[in-house]
Amino acid sequence: MKRSLLLAACAAFVMSAASVEAAPSAAVVAAVADKGRPEADTKRDADRKPAEMLEFAGVKPGQKVADFIPGGGYFTRIFAKTVGSEGKVYAVINQPPPNAPPPAAPPPIRAVAADPTYGNIEVVQAGFTAFALPEPVDVFWTAQNYHDLHLKRFNLDVASVNKQIFNAVKPGGYYVIVDHAAPAGTPVEAADTVHRIDPAIVKAEVEAAGFKFVDESKVLRNDKDDYSKTVFDPSLRGHTDQFIYRFKKPG
């Protein structure tokens, strides 16, 4: 009898360990299935696995979410539908330096925020080392952009950026980072060459800002990636080895 109980307990432990990824909530599933999303976005869903990623990030209706460097708004739209009318999404974009030439076109996220379908999106444009959100957020998110903070042309103080993010998150809130992995020991200069970063560097920098590492999702890990190639190489674009880290602000 005791042996049977022990075996059952071991089996339950193995099953729980194998089921790290929780099933997406109804709100997340509905947001991903939203018919208003652009076809160009939905075609990327199989590779980007947005439902699994939002569930891992803990995004829920009514929350406040920041999408840092949102690009064309792929995740911003899904955040907006997930948090709903009681929630808010802040799309954080960089303010060009005063002497920079004017952009050829407005950042694409402004068109997303102007769409009445997404009335809960607000664009925040400021320097990455000096931005402030209108209110603290439950989740601060950035996808495939953290390595860009180390690009030489930006000349950013990454420690200051992470401290600004720490200040923007509610106590008990999360900072979630998705990025292209580089092999262990790869220097940060890889950001300028292959647009990758060693996950250990990210963990050390973010923890130095005051966050605590919580866990990792492996839904986008790919050990068949050729790390010597840039992430834009047609042979692997969309299929790179990507890590997803979740950090928590104490409190």
Protein backbone atom coordinates (compact mmCIF):
# COMPACT_ATOMS: atom_id res chain seq x y z
CA MET A 1 0.00 0.00 0.00
CA LYS A 2 2.77 2.40 0.98
CA ARG A 3 4.64 1.55 -2.23
CA SER A 4 1.53 2.33 -4.33
CA LEU A 5 1.08 5.68 -2.59
CA LEU A 6 4.74 6.53 -3.15
CA LEU A 7 4.54 5.66 -6.85
CA ALA A 8 1.36 7.71 -7.22
CA ALA A 9 3.01 10.69 -5.52
CA CYS A 10 6.05 10.40 -7.80
CA ALA A 11 3.83 10.21 -10.87
CA ALA A 12 1.92 13.30 -9.77
CA PHE A 13 5.18 15.19 -9.25
CA VAL A 14 6.44 14.24 -12.72
CA MET A 15 3.15 15.32 -14.30
CA SER A 16 3.19 18.66 -12.49
CA ALA A 17 6.82 19.27 -13.47
CA ALA A 18 5.99 18.50 -17.10
CA SER A 19 3.01 20.88 -17.07
CA VAL A 20 4.85 24.11 -16.31
CA GLU A 21 2.97 26.05 -18.98
CA ALA A 22 -0.55 26.85 -17.78
CA ALA A 23 -3.42 26.77 -20.25
CA PRO A 24 -4.29 30.29 -21.51
CA SER A 25 -7.25 31.97 -19.84
CA ALA A 26 -10.50 32.63 -21.68
CA ALA A 27 -9.66 36.35 -21.85
CA VAL A 28 -6.29 35.68 -23.49
CA VAL A 29 -7.75 33.14 -25.93
CA ALA A 30 -10.47 35.61 -26.96
CA ALA A 31 -7.92 38.41 -27.42
CA VAL A 32 -5.74 36.28 -29.70
CA ALA A 33 -8.82 35.17 -31.66
CA ASP A 34 -9.99 38.78 -32.14
CA LYS A 35 -11.09 39.17 -35.77
CA GLY A 36 -9.86 42.77 -35.80
CA ARG A 37 -6.20 41.75 -35.65
CA PRO A 38 -4.28 42.31 -38.92
CA GLU A 39 -3.68 39.24 -41.05
CA ALA A 40 0.05 39.99 -40.99
CA ASP A 41 -0.08 39.53 -37.21
CA THR A 42 -2.18 36.38 -37.11
CA LYS A 43 0.16 34.70 -39.61
CA ARG A 44 2.92 35.02 -37.02
CA ASP A 45 0.96 33.44 -34.18
CA ALA A 46 2.23 29.91 -34.80
CA ASP A 47 5.81 31.11 -34.33
CA ARG A 48 5.26 33.67 -31.57
CA LYS A 49 2.73 31.71 -29.46
CA PRO A 50 1.07 34.82 -28.02
CA ALA A 51 -1.54 33.01 -25.91
CA GLU A 52 1.05 30.98 -24.04
CA MET A 53 3.25 34.02 -23.59
CA LEU A 54 0.51 36.27 -22.18
CA GLU A 55 -0.60 33.54 -19.81
CA PHE A 56 2.97 33.15 -18.57
CA ALA A 57 3.21 36.92 -18.11
CA GLY A 58 0.05 36.83 -16.01
CA VAL A 59 -1.88 39.41 -18.02
CA LYS A 60 -5.51 39.60 -16.82
CA PRO A 61 -8.62 41.73 -17.39
CA GLY A 62 -8.54 45.08 -15.63
CA GLN A 63 -4.76 45.24 -15.38
CA LYS A 64 -2.36 47.99 -16.39
CA VAL A 65 0.30 46.81 -18.87
CA ALA A 66 3.30 48.55 -20.45
CA ASP A 67 4.51 47.39 -23.86
CA PHE A 68 8.10 48.64 -24.16
CA ILE A 69 9.23 49.29 -27.75
CA PRO A 70 6.00 47.87 -29.25
CA GLY A 71 6.92 48.10 -32.93
CA GLY A 72 3.78 47.70 -35.02
CA GLY A 73 1.68 46.71 -32.02
CA TYR A 74 1.57 42.92 -32.41
CA PHE A 75 1.40 42.35 -28.65
CA THR A 76 -0.13 45.75 -27.86
CA ARG A 77 -3.39 44.84 -29.58
CA ILE A 78 -3.62 41.53 -27.72
CA PHE A 79 -2.85 43.22 -24.39
CA ALA A 80 -5.58 45.80 -25.05
CA LYS A 81 -8.23 43.15 -25.70
CA THR A 82 -7.11 41.03 -22.75
CA VAL A 83 -7.18 43.79 -20.12
CA GLY A 84 -10.43 45.15 -21.56
CA SER A 85 -12.18 48.45 -20.95
CA GLU A 86 -11.30 48.43 -17.25
CA GLY A 87 -7.60 48.04 -18.04
CA LYS A 88 -4.96 50.17 -19.72
CA VAL A 89 -2.01 49.59 -22.06
CA TYR A 90 0.91 52.01 -22.26
CA ALA A 91 2.97 51.72 -25.43
CA VAL A 92 6.42 53.09 -24.56
CA ILE A 93 8.50 54.44 -27.44
CA ASN A 94 11.75 56.35 -27.50
CA GLN A 95 11.95 60.11 -27.92
CA PRO A 96 14.47 60.97 -30.68
CA PRO A 97 17.27 63.33 -29.64
CA PRO A 98 16.64 67.05 -30.33
CA ASN A 99 19.11 67.20 -33.23
CA ALA A 100 17.74 64.09 -34.99
CA PRO A 101 16.07 64.57 -38.39
CA PRO A 102 12.28 64.25 -38.33
CA PRO A 103 11.02 60.71 -39.01
CA ALA A 104 9.65 59.92 -42.45
CA ALA A 105 6.41 58.71 -40.87
CA PRO A 106 4.87 58.60 -37.38
CA PRO A 107 5.63 55.50 -35.30
CA PRO A 108 3.12 52.80 -36.39
CA ILE A 109 1.91 52.30 -32.82
CA ARG A 110 0.27 55.74 -32.94
CA ALA A 111 -2.16 54.50 -35.60
CA VAL A 112 -3.02 51.52 -33.39
CA ALA A 113 -3.65 53.79 -30.39
CA ALA A 114 -5.83 56.06 -32.54
CA ASP A 115 -8.08 53.16 -33.57
CA PRO A 116 -11.32 53.35 -31.53
CA THR A 117 -11.25 49.56 -31.31
CA TYR A 118 -8.28 49.95 -29.00
CA GLY A 119 -9.42 52.89 -26.91
CA ASN A 120 -7.43 51.75 -23.87
CA ILE A 121 -3.98 52.21 -25.47
CA GLU A 122 -1.92 55.30 -24.69
CA VAL A 123 1.45 56.06 -26.30
CA VAL A 124 4.19 57.27 -23.96
CA GLN A 125 7.12 58.81 -25.84
CA ALA A 126 10.17 59.80 -23.81
CA GLY A 127 13.86 59.05 -23.38
CA PHE A 128 14.35 55.49 -22.15
CA THR A 129 16.43 56.62 -19.19
CA ALA A 130 13.96 59.30 -18.11
CA PHE A 131 10.44 58.12 -18.95
CA ALA A 132 7.59 57.98 -16.46
CA LEU A 133 4.22 56.28 -16.83
CA PRO A 134 0.98 57.96 -15.71
CA GLU A 135 0.49 55.15 -13.17
CA PRO A 136 2.27 52.01 -11.95
CA VAL A 137 1.66 48.89 -14.04
CA ASP A 138 0.99 45.26 -13.19
CA VAL A 139 3.10 43.95 -16.06
CA PHE A 140 5.97 45.62 -17.89
CA TRP A 141 6.68 43.72 -21.11
CA THR A 142 9.27 43.84 -23.86
CA ALA A 143 9.65 41.34 -26.71
CA GLN A 144 12.83 40.93 -28.79
CA ASN A 145 14.01 44.39 -27.79
CA TYR A 146 16.09 44.12 -24.64
CA HIS A 147 19.30 43.46 -26.60
CA ASP A 148 18.68 46.74 -28.47
CA LEU A 149 19.38 48.66 -25.26
CA HIS A 150 23.01 47.63 -25.76
CA LEU A 151 23.31 48.88 -29.34
CA LYS A 152 26.26 51.25 -29.63
CA ARG A 153 24.31 53.84 -31.59
CA PHE A 154 21.89 54.32 -28.69
CA ASN A 155 24.65 54.77 -26.11
CA LEU A 156 22.23 53.99 -23.29
CA ASP A 157 22.90 53.49 -19.62
CA VAL A 158 21.09 50.15 -19.37
CA ALA A 159 21.19 50.22 -15.56
CA SER A 160 19.25 53.50 -15.65
CA VAL A 161 16.70 52.06 -18.08
CA ASN A 162 16.06 49.08 -15.81
CA LYS A 163 15.75 51.37 -12.81
CA GLN A 164 13.12 53.42 -14.63
CA ILE A 165 11.26 50.21 -15.38
CA PHE A 166 11.54 49.13 -11.73
CA ASN A 167 9.95 52.43 -10.71
CA ALA A 168 7.14 51.94 -13.24
CA VAL A 169 6.05 48.55 -11.89
CA LYS A 170 3.69 48.07 -8.94
CA PRO A 171 5.08 46.25 -5.89
CA GLY A 172 4.38 42.60 -6.63
CA GLY A 173 4.17 43.31 -10.37
CA TYR A 174 6.14 41.64 -13.14
CA TYR A 175 8.81 42.58 -15.66
CA VAL A 176 8.73 40.10 -18.57
CA ILE A 177 11.50 39.93 -21.17
CA VAL A 178 11.47 37.93 -24.40
CA ASP A 179 14.63 37.96 -26.50
CA HIS A 180 16.87 36.10 -28.90
CA ALA A 181 19.35 33.95 -26.98
CA ALA A 182 23.11 34.01 -27.46
CA PRO A 183 25.37 31.23 -26.12
CA ALA A 184 26.61 31.55 -22.54
CA GLY A 185 29.55 33.89 -22.26
CA THR A 186 28.71 35.90 -25.38
CA PRO A 187 29.60 39.60 -24.82
CA VAL A 188 26.95 42.30 -25.12
CA GLU A 189 28.55 43.48 -28.37
CA ALA A 190 26.59 40.64 -30.04
CA ALA A 191 23.63 43.00 -29.97
CA ASP A 192 25.26 44.95 -32.81
CA THR A 193 26.30 41.92 -34.85
CA VAL A 194 23.77 39.08 -34.54
CA HIS A 195 21.11 40.91 -32.46
CA ARG A 196 21.23 38.40 -29.62
CA ILE A 197 22.05 38.49 -25.91
CA ASP A 198 23.27 36.00 -23.31
CA PRO A 199 20.29 35.38 -20.97
CA ALA A 200 22.67 35.47 -18.00
CA ILE A 201 23.50 39.11 -18.79
CA VAL A 202 19.81 40.00 -18.79
CA LYS A 203 19.22 38.26 -15.49
CA ALA A 204 22.17 39.99 -13.82
CA GLU A 205 21.23 43.45 -15.10
CA VAL A 206 17.56 43.19 -14.17
CA GLU A 207 18.24 41.79 -10.71
CA ALA A 208 20.73 44.61 -10.13
CA ALA A 209 17.80 47.03 -10.58
CA GLY A 210 15.95 45.39 -7.70
CA PHE A 211 13.81 42.78 -9.43
CA LYS A 212 13.80 39.12 -8.38
CA PHE A 213 13.92 36.38 -10.99
CA VAL A 214 10.77 34.25 -10.76
CA ASP A 215 10.73 31.76 -13.61
CA GLU A 216 11.22 31.06 -17.30
CA SER A 217 8.93 29.89 -20.09
CA LYS A 218 10.50 27.63 -22.68
CA VAL A 219 7.77 27.72 -25.31
CA LEU A 220 10.10 29.55 -27.74
CA ARG A 221 13.34 27.72 -26.98
CA ASN A 222 14.97 26.09 -30.03
CA ASP A 223 18.23 24.18 -29.63
CA LYS A 224 18.53 23.84 -33.44
CA ASP A 225 19.19 27.58 -33.80
CA ASP A 226 22.43 28.60 -35.53
CA TYR A 227 23.69 31.18 -33.04
CA SER A 228 26.37 32.41 -35.43
CA LYS A 229 23.73 33.91 -37.71
CA THR A 230 21.88 37.17 -37.31
CA VAL A 231 18.26 36.81 -36.22
CA PHE A 232 17.22 38.39 -39.53
CA ASP A 233 18.76 35.57 -41.59
CA PRO A 234 15.96 34.18 -43.82
CA SER A 235 16.93 30.60 -42.92
CA LEU A 236 15.93 31.07 -39.27
CA ARG A 237 13.94 34.28 -38.96
CA GLY A 238 10.97 33.63 -36.71
CA HIS A 239 12.51 30.42 -35.40
CA THR A 240 15.41 31.60 -33.26
CA ASP A 241 16.10 30.27 -29.80
CA GLN A 242 14.24 32.71 -27.53
CA PHE A 243 14.13 32.91 -23.75
CA ILE A 244 11.22 34.35 -21.77
CA TYR A 245 12.12 35.54 -18.28
CA ARG A 246 9.71 36.79 -15.64
CA PHE A 247 10.96 39.02 -12.81
CA LYS A 248 8.97 40.28 -9.84
CA LYS A 249 9.19 43.59 -8.03
CA PRO A 250 9.29 42.83 -4.29
CA GLY A 251 6.45 44.11 -2.16
